[in-house]
Amino acid sequence: MPVSRQIPVIMSEMQAAADVLQDIGWGVSVFGSARIKPESPWYALAEAVGQRLANAGLPVIAGGGPGIMEAANKGAFNAGGQSIGLNIKLPHETKNNMFQTHSLEFEYFYSRKATFFMHSAAYIALPGGFGTLDELFEVLTLIQTGKIPAAPVVLMGTAYWVGLIDWIKTELETSGLIGPNDIDLMVLTDDVDEAMRCIESFIRNKADELGYEAIIPE
């Protein structure tokens, strides 16, 4: 499709998402692979994360597909929370998961990713492939450059992420390709309690400054 025809579709997708999410408020985006099976411990971890976020009154924003996305939506949905799915149309991923209180459809990754970043007060990344890495590094870049507000970025599934963290420290930080404190933009943990403390503490401390209005009940 020519770019001139893509732009109106992208704009309409972003506007439709904004119309829905403005009444929900700030949420927490959960990234991760569609290929993770329900029997995986990472699926169970994502489901527990979704449940805890919902119990804290925080809407969960996930990709709407299977795997980690389904697990996060499922945890939030079954806990009675807001469970938002940003569903992308892909030939190999034809079925949206059934655990969504709000389901949004996207033709383009651009408008889908922009929706994640425009409506999230924190981010959690679980194991995933190119798509998850794309989302993770884009949010880190946007925070690093001040294009979106500061926010916690929590990596869960330490056995998966530790090699990447070591490479970032060895290659990027040592070479001066990132700032000396940029690695601190990420928190690495498998502990749901620690992840929730990090997110809740940040939001409560920064709510007025960043405009996160009453998204965690007192």
C-alpha atoms as a PDB file:
ATOM      1  CA  MET A   1       0.000   0.000   0.000  1.00  0.00           C
ATOM      2  CA  PRO A   2       1.395   3.463  -0.894  1.00  0.00           C
ATOM      3  CA  VAL A   3       2.487   5.621   2.037  1.00  0.00           C
ATOM      4  CA  SER A   4      -0.181   8.179   1.151  1.00  0.00           C
ATOM      5  CA  ARG A   5      -2.816   5.533   1.846  1.00  0.00           C
ATOM      6  CA  GLN A   6      -1.133   4.185   4.974  1.00  0.00           C
ATOM      7  CA  ILE A   7      -1.039   7.489   6.835  1.00  0.00           C
ATOM      8  CA  PRO A   8      -4.827   7.980   7.198  1.00  0.00           C
ATOM      9  CA  VAL A   9      -5.190   4.387   8.434  1.00  0.00           C
ATOM     10  CA  ILE A  10      -2.390   4.825  10.985  1.00  0.00           C
ATOM     11  CA  MET A  11      -3.890   8.089  12.207  1.00  0.00           C
ATOM     12  CA  SER A  12      -7.353   6.585  12.510  1.00  0.00           C
ATOM     13  CA  GLU A  13      -6.004   3.612  14.472  1.00  0.00           C
ATOM     14  CA  MET A  14      -4.218   5.898  16.924  1.00  0.00           C
ATOM     15  CA  GLN A  15      -7.281   8.109  17.323  1.00  0.00           C
ATOM     16  CA  ALA A  16      -9.586   5.128  17.899  1.00  0.00           C
ATOM     17  CA  ALA A  17      -7.216   3.795  20.560  1.00  0.00           C
ATOM     18  CA  ALA A  18      -6.963   7.193  22.247  1.00  0.00           C
ATOM     19  CA  ASP A  19     -10.751   7.490  22.345  1.00  0.00           C
ATOM     20  CA  VAL A  20     -11.056   4.149  24.127  1.00  0.00           C
ATOM     21  CA  LEU A  21      -8.102   4.505  26.490  1.00  0.00           C
ATOM     22  CA  GLN A  22      -8.723   8.088  27.609  1.00  0.00           C
ATOM     23  CA  ASP A  23     -11.478   6.834  29.906  1.00  0.00           C
ATOM     24  CA  ILE A  24      -9.304   4.016  31.251  1.00  0.00           C
ATOM     25  CA  GLY A  25      -6.275   6.095  32.111  1.00  0.00           C
ATOM     26  CA  TRP A  26      -2.633   5.098  32.418  1.00  0.00           C
ATOM     27  CA  GLY A  27      -1.821   1.405  32.377  1.00  0.00           C
ATOM     28  CA  VAL A  28       1.160  -0.953  32.440  1.00  0.00           C
ATOM     29  CA  SER A  29       2.305  -2.516  29.173  1.00  0.00           C
ATOM     30  CA  VAL A  30       3.421  -6.137  29.226  1.00  0.00           C
ATOM     31  CA  PHE A  31       5.589  -7.354  26.331  1.00  0.00           C
ATOM     32  CA  GLY A  32       6.497 -10.939  25.480  1.00  0.00           C
ATOM     33  CA  SER A  33       6.420 -13.701  22.907  1.00  0.00           C
ATOM     34  CA  ALA A  34       3.304 -15.110  21.250  1.00  0.00           C
ATOM     35  CA  ARG A  35       5.124 -18.456  21.046  1.00  0.00           C
ATOM     36  CA  ILE A  36       5.352 -19.176  24.771  1.00  0.00           C
ATOM     37  CA  LYS A  37       3.133 -22.144  25.672  1.00  0.00           C
ATOM     38  CA  PRO A  38       0.727 -22.219  28.651  1.00  0.00           C
ATOM     39  CA  GLU A  39       2.846 -24.867  30.380  1.00  0.00           C
ATOM     40  CA  SER A  40       5.887 -22.562  30.421  1.00  0.00           C
ATOM     41  CA  PRO A  41       6.917 -21.038  33.748  1.00  0.00           C
ATOM     42  CA  TRP A  42       7.192 -17.717  31.886  1.00  0.00           C
ATOM     43  CA  TYR A  43       3.478 -17.970  30.993  1.00  0.00           C
ATOM     44  CA  ALA A  44       2.690 -18.529  34.689  1.00  0.00           C
ATOM     45  CA  LEU A  45       4.878 -15.553  35.619  1.00  0.00           C
ATOM     46  CA  ALA A  46       3.106 -13.294  33.120  1.00  0.00           C
ATOM     47  CA  GLU A  47      -0.285 -14.424  34.391  1.00  0.00           C
ATOM     48  CA  ALA A  48       0.747 -13.670  37.974  1.00  0.00           C
ATOM     49  CA  VAL A  49       1.974 -10.236  36.884  1.00  0.00           C
ATOM     50  CA  GLY A  50      -1.335  -9.486  35.173  1.00  0.00           C
ATOM     51  CA  GLN A  51      -3.246 -10.506  38.283  1.00  0.00           C
ATOM     52  CA  ARG A  52      -1.125  -8.385  40.603  1.00  0.00           C
ATOM     53  CA  LEU A  53      -1.402  -5.340  38.370  1.00  0.00           C
ATOM     54  CA  ALA A  54      -5.177  -5.692  38.255  1.00  0.00           C
ATOM     55  CA  ASN A  55      -5.345  -6.116  42.024  1.00  0.00           C
ATOM     56  CA  ALA A  56      -3.387  -2.864  42.358  1.00  0.00           C
ATOM     57  CA  GLY A  57      -5.941  -1.076  40.167  1.00  0.00           C
ATOM     58  CA  LEU A  58      -3.581  -0.812  37.209  1.00  0.00           C
ATOM     59  CA  PRO A  59      -4.929  -1.586  33.726  1.00  0.00           C
ATOM     60  CA  VAL A  60      -2.896  -4.169  31.822  1.00  0.00           C
ATOM     61  CA  ILE A  61      -2.025  -3.387  28.201  1.00  0.00           C
ATOM     62  CA  ALA A  62      -0.784  -6.362  26.184  1.00  0.00           C
ATOM     63  CA  GLY A  63      -0.566  -7.370  22.559  1.00  0.00           C
ATOM     64  CA  GLY A  64      -3.820  -9.311  22.527  1.00  0.00           C
ATOM     65  CA  GLY A  65      -2.360 -12.467  20.990  1.00  0.00           C
ATOM     66  CA  PRO A  66      -1.376 -15.832  22.475  1.00  0.00           C
ATOM     67  CA  GLY A  67       1.607 -16.690  24.671  1.00  0.00           C
ATOM     68  CA  ILE A  68       2.861 -14.074  27.120  1.00  0.00           C
ATOM     69  CA  MET A  69       0.280 -11.587  25.835  1.00  0.00           C
ATOM     70  CA  GLU A  70      -2.537 -14.012  26.607  1.00  0.00           C
ATOM     71  CA  ALA A  71      -1.106 -14.804  30.032  1.00  0.00           C
ATOM     72  CA  ALA A  72      -0.931 -11.143  31.071  1.00  0.00           C
ATOM     73  CA  ASN A  73      -4.434 -10.445  29.773  1.00  0.00           C
ATOM     74  CA  LYS A  74      -5.718 -13.606  31.452  1.00  0.00           C
ATOM     75  CA  GLY A  75      -4.297 -12.689  34.838  1.00  0.00           C
ATOM     76  CA  ALA A  76      -5.851  -9.240  34.718  1.00  0.00           C
ATOM     77  CA  PHE A  77      -9.162 -10.433  33.277  1.00  0.00           C
ATOM     78  CA  ASN A  78      -9.663 -13.209  35.835  1.00  0.00           C
ATOM     79  CA  ALA A  79      -8.821 -10.766  38.636  1.00  0.00           C
ATOM     80  CA  GLY A  80     -11.628  -8.481  37.471  1.00  0.00           C
ATOM     81  CA  GLY A  81      -9.305  -5.762  36.190  1.00  0.00           C
ATOM     82  CA  GLN A  82      -9.019  -3.775  33.003  1.00  0.00           C
ATOM     83  CA  SER A  83      -7.400  -6.000  30.373  1.00  0.00           C
ATOM     84  CA  ILE A  84      -6.591  -4.214  27.129  1.00  0.00           C
ATOM     85  CA  GLY A  85      -5.503  -6.062  24.012  1.00  0.00           C
ATOM     86  CA  LEU A  86      -3.755  -4.213  21.180  1.00  0.00           C
ATOM     87  CA  ASN A  87      -4.379  -6.806  18.488  1.00  0.00           C
ATOM     88  CA  ILE A  88      -2.254  -6.783  15.347  1.00  0.00           C
ATOM     89  CA  LYS A  89      -3.405  -8.405  12.119  1.00  0.00           C
ATOM     90  CA  LEU A  90      -0.799 -11.013  11.143  1.00  0.00           C
ATOM     91  CA  PRO A  91      -1.085 -14.003   8.796  1.00  0.00           C
ATOM     92  CA  HIS A  92       0.397 -16.438  11.339  1.00  0.00           C
ATOM     93  CA  GLU A  93      -1.397 -15.050  14.401  1.00  0.00           C
ATOM     94  CA  THR A  94      -5.052 -15.189  13.463  1.00  0.00           C
ATOM     95  CA  LYS A  95      -6.740 -15.509  16.833  1.00  0.00           C
ATOM     96  CA  ASN A  96      -6.915 -12.861  19.536  1.00  0.00           C
ATOM     97  CA  ASN A  97      -6.971 -14.149  23.084  1.00  0.00           C
ATOM     98  CA  MET A  98     -10.310 -14.214  24.881  1.00  0.00           C
ATOM     99  CA  PHE A  99      -9.195 -12.388  28.035  1.00  0.00           C
ATOM    100  CA  GLN A 100      -9.770  -8.784  26.986  1.00  0.00           C
ATOM    101  CA  THR A 101     -12.142  -6.234  28.465  1.00  0.00           C
ATOM    102  CA  HIS A 102     -11.140  -3.800  25.718  1.00  0.00           C
ATOM    103  CA  SER A 103     -10.031  -5.061  22.317  1.00  0.00           C
ATOM    104  CA  LEU A 104      -8.394  -2.755  19.776  1.00  0.00           C
ATOM    105  CA  GLU A 105      -7.456  -3.766  16.234  1.00  0.00           C
ATOM    106  CA  PHE A 106      -4.366  -2.552  14.367  1.00  0.00           C
ATOM    107  CA  GLU A 107      -3.189  -3.008  10.816  1.00  0.00           C
ATOM    108  CA  TYR A 108       0.164  -1.315  11.447  1.00  0.00           C
ATOM    109  CA  PHE A 109       2.853  -1.861  14.074  1.00  0.00           C
ATOM    110  CA  TYR A 110       3.583   1.872  14.086  1.00  0.00           C
ATOM    111  CA  SER A 111       0.182   2.870  15.464  1.00  0.00           C
ATOM    112  CA  ARG A 112       0.111  -0.135  17.794  1.00  0.00           C
ATOM    113  CA  LYS A 113       3.478   0.689  19.353  1.00  0.00           C
ATOM    114  CA  ALA A 114       2.605   4.355  19.647  1.00  0.00           C
ATOM    115  CA  THR A 115      -0.500   3.326  21.595  1.00  0.00           C
ATOM    116  CA  PHE A 116       1.597   1.324  24.058  1.00  0.00           C
ATOM    117  CA  PHE A 117       3.921   4.266  24.648  1.00  0.00           C
ATOM    118  CA  MET A 118       1.239   6.957  24.853  1.00  0.00           C
ATOM    119  CA  HIS A 119      -0.821   5.196  27.507  1.00  0.00           C
ATOM    120  CA  SER A 120       1.681   3.423  29.793  1.00  0.00           C
ATOM    121  CA  ALA A 121       3.092   4.481  33.131  1.00  0.00           C
ATOM    122  CA  ALA A 122       5.373   1.425  33.320  1.00  0.00           C
ATOM    123  CA  TYR A 123       6.588  -1.460  31.188  1.00  0.00           C
ATOM    124  CA  ILE A 124       7.251  -5.135  31.877  1.00  0.00           C
ATOM    125  CA  ALA A 125       9.141  -7.267  29.355  1.00  0.00           C
ATOM    126  CA  LEU A 126       9.139 -11.047  29.540  1.00  0.00           C
ATOM    127  CA  PRO A 127      11.002 -13.350  27.160  1.00  0.00           C
ATOM    128  CA  GLY A 128      10.269 -12.778  23.493  1.00  0.00           C
ATOM    129  CA  GLY A 129      11.701 -12.551  20.014  1.00  0.00           C
ATOM    130  CA  PHE A 130      12.307  -9.732  17.566  1.00  0.00           C
ATOM    131  CA  GLY A 131       8.971  -8.031  18.324  1.00  0.00           C
ATOM    132  CA  THR A 132       9.587  -7.982  22.058  1.00  0.00           C
ATOM    133  CA  LEU A 133      13.144  -6.721  21.605  1.00  0.00           C
ATOM    134  CA  ASP A 134      11.865  -4.041  19.242  1.00  0.00           C
ATOM    135  CA  GLU A 135       9.328  -2.860  21.820  1.00  0.00           C
ATOM    136  CA  LEU A 136      11.867  -2.978  24.650  1.00  0.00           C
ATOM    137  CA  PHE A 137      14.593  -1.023  22.865  1.00  0.00           C
ATOM    138  CA  GLU A 138      12.166   1.517  21.482  1.00  0.00           C
ATOM    139  CA  VAL A 139      10.756   2.299  24.923  1.00  0.00           C
ATOM    140  CA  LEU A 140      14.297   2.570  26.330  1.00  0.00           C
ATOM    141  CA  THR A 141      15.246   4.934  23.502  1.00  0.00           C
ATOM    142  CA  LEU A 142      12.157   7.081  24.020  1.00  0.00           C
ATOM    143  CA  ILE A 143      12.796   7.346  27.764  1.00  0.00           C
ATOM    144  CA  GLN A 144      16.537   7.953  27.254  1.00  0.00           C
ATOM    145  CA  THR A 145      15.845  10.794  24.812  1.00  0.00           C
ATOM    146  CA  GLY A 146      12.981  12.303  26.810  1.00  0.00           C
ATOM    147  CA  LYS A 147      10.387  11.689  24.111  1.00  0.00           C
ATOM    148  CA  ILE A 148       8.101   9.954  26.619  1.00  0.00           C
ATOM    149  CA  PRO A 149       7.977  10.401  30.404  1.00  0.00           C
ATOM    150  CA  ALA A 150      10.343   8.457  32.607  1.00  0.00           C
ATOM    151  CA  ALA A 151       8.894   5.078  33.567  1.00  0.00           C
ATOM    152  CA  PRO A 152       9.988   1.808  35.158  1.00  0.00           C
ATOM    153  CA  VAL A 153      11.113  -0.833  32.678  1.00  0.00           C
ATOM    154  CA  VAL A 154      11.099  -4.213  34.409  1.00  0.00           C
ATOM    155  CA  LEU A 155      12.658  -7.277  32.758  1.00  0.00           C
ATOM    156  CA  MET A 156      11.256 -10.553  34.108  1.00  0.00           C
ATOM    157  CA  GLY A 157      12.706 -13.940  33.285  1.00  0.00           C
ATOM    158  CA  THR A 158      16.241 -13.295  34.471  1.00  0.00           C
ATOM    159  CA  ALA A 159      17.755 -16.432  32.910  1.00  0.00           C
ATOM    160  CA  TYR A 160      16.624 -15.132  29.526  1.00  0.00           C
ATOM    161  CA  TRP A 161      17.648 -11.481  29.939  1.00  0.00           C
ATOM    162  CA  VAL A 162      20.929 -11.722  31.854  1.00  0.00           C
ATOM    163  CA  GLY A 163      23.043 -12.388  28.749  1.00  0.00           C
ATOM    164  CA  LEU A 164      21.629  -9.294  27.043  1.00  0.00           C
ATOM    165  CA  ILE A 165      22.272  -7.159  30.131  1.00  0.00           C
ATOM    166  CA  ASP A 166      25.871  -8.423  30.287  1.00  0.00           C
ATOM    167  CA  TRP A 167      26.359  -7.601  26.586  1.00  0.00           C
ATOM    168  CA  ILE A 168      24.944  -4.099  27.045  1.00  0.00           C
ATOM    169  CA  LYS A 169      27.338  -3.479  29.933  1.00  0.00           C
ATOM    170  CA  THR A 170      30.360  -5.009  28.168  1.00  0.00           C
ATOM    171  CA  GLU A 171      29.851  -3.631  24.684  1.00  0.00           C
ATOM    172  CA  LEU A 172      27.666  -0.533  24.874  1.00  0.00           C
ATOM    173  CA  GLU A 173      28.460   0.934  28.273  1.00  0.00           C
ATOM    174  CA  THR A 174      32.190   0.191  28.172  1.00  0.00           C
ATOM    175  CA  SER A 175      32.457   1.670  24.672  1.00  0.00           C
ATOM    176  CA  GLY A 176      30.593   4.807  25.676  1.00  0.00           C
ATOM    177  CA  LEU A 177      27.760   4.068  23.243  1.00  0.00           C
ATOM    178  CA  ILE A 178      25.218   4.626  26.015  1.00  0.00           C
ATOM    179  CA  GLY A 179      25.405   6.893  29.044  1.00  0.00           C
ATOM    180  CA  PRO A 180      26.889   5.686  32.337  1.00  0.00           C
ATOM    181  CA  ASN A 181      23.467   5.527  33.957  1.00  0.00           C
ATOM    182  CA  ASP A 182      21.411   4.255  31.035  1.00  0.00           C
ATOM    183  CA  ILE A 183      21.637   0.647  32.209  1.00  0.00           C
ATOM    184  CA  ASP A 184      19.746   1.785  35.307  1.00  0.00           C
ATOM    185  CA  LEU A 185      16.676   2.414  33.160  1.00  0.00           C
ATOM    186  CA  MET A 186      16.018  -1.335  33.523  1.00  0.00           C
ATOM    187  CA  VAL A 187      15.256  -3.474  36.558  1.00  0.00           C
ATOM    188  CA  LEU A 188      15.938  -7.215  36.284  1.00  0.00           C
ATOM    189  CA  THR A 189      13.927  -9.525  38.539  1.00  0.00           C
ATOM    190  CA  ASP A 190      11.813 -12.672  38.719  1.00  0.00           C
ATOM    191  CA  ASP A 191      10.098 -11.476  41.898  1.00  0.00           C
ATOM    192  CA  VAL A 192       6.560 -10.212  41.284  1.00  0.00           C
ATOM    193  CA  ASP A 193       6.622  -8.412  44.637  1.00  0.00           C
ATOM    194  CA  GLU A 194       9.783  -6.534  43.663  1.00  0.00           C
ATOM    195  CA  ALA A 195       8.336  -5.632  40.271  1.00  0.00           C
ATOM    196  CA  MET A 196       5.183  -4.281  41.896  1.00  0.00           C
ATOM    197  CA  ARG A 197       7.138  -2.295  44.506  1.00  0.00           C
ATOM    198  CA  CYS A 198       9.195  -0.728  41.751  1.00  0.00           C
ATOM    199  CA  ILE A 199       6.156   0.241  39.683  1.00  0.00           C
ATOM    200  CA  GLU A 200       3.900   1.386  42.516  1.00  0.00           C
ATOM    201  CA  SER A 201       6.617   3.384  44.250  1.00  0.00           C
ATOM    202  CA  PHE A 202       7.579   5.164  41.051  1.00  0.00           C
ATOM    203  CA  ILE A 203       4.023   6.017  40.102  1.00  0.00           C
ATOM    204  CA  ARG A 204       3.105   7.288  43.562  1.00  0.00           C
ATOM    205  CA  ASN A 205       6.240   9.429  43.774  1.00  0.00           C
ATOM    206  CA  LYS A 206       5.955  10.797  40.244  1.00  0.00           C
ATOM    207  CA  ALA A 207       2.175  10.996  39.822  1.00  0.00           C
ATOM    208  CA  ASP A 208       1.829  14.766  40.126  1.00  0.00           C
ATOM    209  CA  GLU A 209       5.003  15.540  38.209  1.00  0.00           C
ATOM    210  CA  LEU A 210       4.192  13.289  35.267  1.00  0.00           C
ATOM    211  CA  GLY A 211       0.427  13.639  35.204  1.00  0.00           C
ATOM    212  CA  TYR A 212      -0.419  10.095  36.260  1.00  0.00           C
ATOM    213  CA  GLU A 213      -3.731  10.998  37.831  1.00  0.00           C
ATOM    214  CA  ALA A 214      -5.025   8.683  40.531  1.00  0.00           C
ATOM    215  CA  ILE A 215      -4.133   5.464  38.789  1.00  0.00           C
ATOM    216  CA  ILE A 216      -3.264   3.621  41.993  1.00  0.00           C
ATOM    217  CA  PRO A 217      -6.040   3.707  44.600  1.00  0.00           C
ATOM    218  CA  GLU A 218      -4.925   4.937  47.995  1.00  0.00           C
END
